[in-house]
C-alpha atoms as a PDB file:
ATOM      1  CA  MET A   1      78.112-115.331  13.219  1.00  0.00           C
ATOM      2  CA  PRO A   2      81.794-115.024  12.387  1.00  0.00           C
ATOM      3  CA  VAL A   3      83.065-112.535   9.850  1.00  0.00           C
ATOM      4  CA  ILE A   4      84.601-114.289   6.829  1.00  0.00           C
ATOM      5  CA  ASN A   5      87.040-112.753   4.344  1.00  0.00           C
ATOM      6  CA  ASN A   6      87.019-113.347   0.579  1.00  0.00           C
ATOM      7  CA  LYS A   7      89.235-116.455   1.038  1.00  0.00           C
ATOM      8  CA  GLY A   8      86.679-118.065   3.344  1.00  0.00           C
ATOM      9  CA  GLU A   9      88.830-117.493   6.440  1.00  0.00           C
ATOM     10  CA  GLU A  10      87.430-116.161   9.703  1.00  0.00           C
ATOM     11  CA  ILE A  11      88.530-112.621  10.502  1.00  0.00           C
ATOM     12  CA  PHE A  12      89.517-111.737  14.048  1.00  0.00           C
ATOM     13  CA  THR A  13      89.685-108.154  15.201  1.00  0.00           C
ATOM     14  CA  ASP A  14      92.002-106.514  17.694  1.00  0.00           C
ATOM     15  CA  VAL A  15      89.048-104.621  19.192  1.00  0.00           C
ATOM     16  CA  SER A  16      86.290-106.019  21.351  1.00  0.00           C
ATOM     17  CA  LEU A  17      83.617-104.417  23.496  1.00  0.00           C
ATOM     18  CA  HIS A  18      82.528-105.743  26.848  1.00  0.00           C
ATOM     19  CA  PRO A  19      78.722-106.068  26.930  1.00  0.00           C
ATOM     20  CA  GLY A  20      78.721-103.510  29.735  1.00  0.00           C
ATOM     21  CA  GLU A  21      80.126-100.910  27.344  1.00  0.00           C
ATOM     22  CA  VAL A  22      77.379-101.720  24.856  1.00  0.00           C
ATOM     23  CA  LEU A  23      74.778-101.514  27.622  1.00  0.00           C
ATOM     24  CA  ASP A  24      76.158 -98.174  28.795  1.00  0.00           C
ATOM     25  CA  MET A  25      75.841 -96.752  25.264  1.00  0.00           C
ATOM     26  CA  GLU A  26      72.282 -98.108  25.034  1.00  0.00           C
ATOM     27  CA  LEU A  27      71.281 -96.531  28.339  1.00  0.00           C
ATOM     28  CA  GLN A  28      72.758 -93.201  27.271  1.00  0.00           C
ATOM     29  CA  ALA A  29      71.016 -93.331  23.894  1.00  0.00           C
ATOM     30  CA  ARG A  30      67.681 -93.989  25.606  1.00  0.00           C
ATOM     31  CA  GLU A  31      68.425 -91.424  28.336  1.00  0.00           C
ATOM     32  CA  ILE A  32      67.803 -94.035  31.037  1.00  0.00           C
ATOM     33  CA  LYS A  33      69.131 -93.236  34.509  1.00  0.00           C
ATOM     34  CA  LYS A  34      71.520 -95.934  35.687  1.00  0.00           C
ATOM     35  CA  ALA A  35      70.338 -96.038  39.301  1.00  0.00           C
ATOM     36  CA  SER A  36      66.695 -96.542  38.354  1.00  0.00           C
ATOM     37  CA  PHE A  37      67.656 -99.084  35.690  1.00  0.00           C
ATOM     38  CA  ALA A  38      69.616-101.086  38.257  1.00  0.00           C
ATOM     39  CA  LEU A  39      66.489-101.251  40.416  1.00  0.00           C
ATOM     40  CA  GLN A  40      64.421-102.383  37.429  1.00  0.00           C
ATOM     41  CA  LEU A  41      67.016-105.106  36.800  1.00  0.00           C
ATOM     42  CA  GLY A  42      66.747-106.170  40.420  1.00  0.00           C
ATOM     43  CA  ILE A  43      70.405-105.434  41.209  1.00  0.00           C
ATOM     44  CA  LYS A  44      72.222-102.821  43.256  1.00  0.00           C
ATOM     45  CA  PRO A  45      73.526 -99.736  41.434  1.00  0.00           C
ATOM     46  CA  GLY A  46      77.082-100.793  42.314  1.00  0.00           C
ATOM     47  CA  HIS A  47      76.559-104.144  40.601  1.00  0.00           C
ATOM     48  CA  LEU A  48      75.314-102.392  37.460  1.00  0.00           C
ATOM     49  CA  SER A  49      78.285-100.034  37.600  1.00  0.00           C
ATOM     50  CA  GLU A  50      80.652-103.004  37.690  1.00  0.00           C
ATOM     51  CA  ILE A  51      78.938-104.487  34.615  1.00  0.00           C
ATOM     52  CA  LEU A  52      79.107-101.154  32.789  1.00  0.00           C
ATOM     53  CA  HIS A  53      82.834-100.870  33.571  1.00  0.00           C
ATOM     54  CA  GLY A  54      83.624-104.434  32.462  1.00  0.00           C
ATOM     55  CA  LYS A  55      84.366-105.700  35.962  1.00  0.00           C
ATOM     56  CA  ARG A  56      81.467-108.187  35.972  1.00  0.00           C
ATOM     57  CA  HIS A  57      80.132-110.522  33.327  1.00  0.00           C
ATOM     58  CA  VAL A  58      76.623-110.369  31.941  1.00  0.00           C
ATOM     59  CA  SER A  59      75.079-113.597  33.209  1.00  0.00           C
ATOM     60  CA  ALA A  60      72.236-115.471  31.553  1.00  0.00           C
ATOM     61  CA  ALA A  61      69.886-114.180  34.263  1.00  0.00           C
ATOM     62  CA  ILE A  62      70.906-110.565  33.624  1.00  0.00           C
ATOM     63  CA  ALA A  63      70.679-111.121  29.853  1.00  0.00           C
ATOM     64  CA  LEU A  64      67.066-112.265  30.240  1.00  0.00           C
ATOM     65  CA  ARG A  65      66.239-109.212  32.332  1.00  0.00           C
ATOM     66  CA  LEU A  66      67.899-106.935  29.772  1.00  0.00           C
ATOM     67  CA  GLU A  67      65.807-108.588  27.066  1.00  0.00           C
ATOM     68  CA  LYS A  68      62.629-107.837  28.995  1.00  0.00           C
ATOM     69  CA  LEU A  69      63.544-104.224  29.794  1.00  0.00           C
ATOM     70  CA  LEU A  70      65.253-103.171  26.554  1.00  0.00           C
ATOM     71  CA  ASP A  71      63.672-105.526  24.009  1.00  0.00           C
ATOM     72  CA  ILE A  72      67.143-106.670  22.919  1.00  0.00           C
ATOM     73  CA  PRO A  73      67.364-110.491  22.794  1.00  0.00           C
ATOM     74  CA  ALA A  74      69.170-112.243  25.639  1.00  0.00           C
ATOM     75  CA  GLU A  75      71.117-114.173  23.012  1.00  0.00           C
ATOM     76  CA  TYR A  76      72.643-110.899  21.808  1.00  0.00           C
ATOM     77  CA  TRP A  77      73.973-110.061  25.276  1.00  0.00           C
ATOM     78  CA  MET A  78      75.314-113.578  25.734  1.00  0.00           C
ATOM     79  CA  ARG A  79      77.056-113.502  22.317  1.00  0.00           C
ATOM     80  CA  VAL A  80      78.717-110.193  23.135  1.00  0.00           C
ATOM     81  CA  GLN A  81      79.907-111.637  26.458  1.00  0.00           C
ATOM     82  CA  VAL A  82      81.252-114.830  24.891  1.00  0.00           C
ATOM     83  CA  TYR A  83      83.014-112.965  22.062  1.00  0.00           C
ATOM     84  CA  TYR A  84      84.562-110.607  24.611  1.00  0.00           C
ATOM     85  CA  ASP A  85      85.742-113.519  26.775  1.00  0.00           C
ATOM     86  CA  LEU A  86      87.262-115.261  23.745  1.00  0.00           C
ATOM     87  CA  PHE A  87      88.966-112.036  22.670  1.00  0.00           C
ATOM     88  CA  VAL A  88      90.527-111.580  26.113  1.00  0.00           C
ATOM     89  CA  GLU A  89      91.647-115.215  26.298  1.00  0.00           C
ATOM     90  CA  ARG A  90      93.137-115.159  22.779  1.00  0.00           C
ATOM     91  CA  ASN A  91      95.142-112.078  23.720  1.00  0.00           C
ATOM     92  CA  LYS A  92      96.389-113.754  26.908  1.00  0.00           C
ATOM     93  CA  GLN A  93      97.484-116.826  24.969  1.00  0.00           C
ATOM     94  CA  SER A  94      99.171-114.859  22.192  1.00  0.00           C
ATOM     95  CA  VAL A  95     101.155-112.844  24.761  1.00  0.00           C
ATOM     96  CA  ALA A  96     102.184-116.050  26.583  1.00  0.00           C
ATOM     97  CA  ALA A  97     103.305-117.743  23.347  1.00  0.00           C
END
């Protein structure tokens, strides 16, 4: 859901988190080891590391696995990814303009 100001206009922020950053914070909060979590996800530790560092997207397949393992809805992970992608693209377009 977008954030709306008191004039009914959508508010955009100049800060956005990649879903990997959110996932990294979640793993730390739960004290889950990254290497073992990667195996539970069915991916290599290097792949997980790339997600955590924002070098790879969270796909729908990964989002579903995260939902199963962390009990955080897949839709949440997909929203964070889409909002991050839009944030990056808006910044690219505003710089090019």
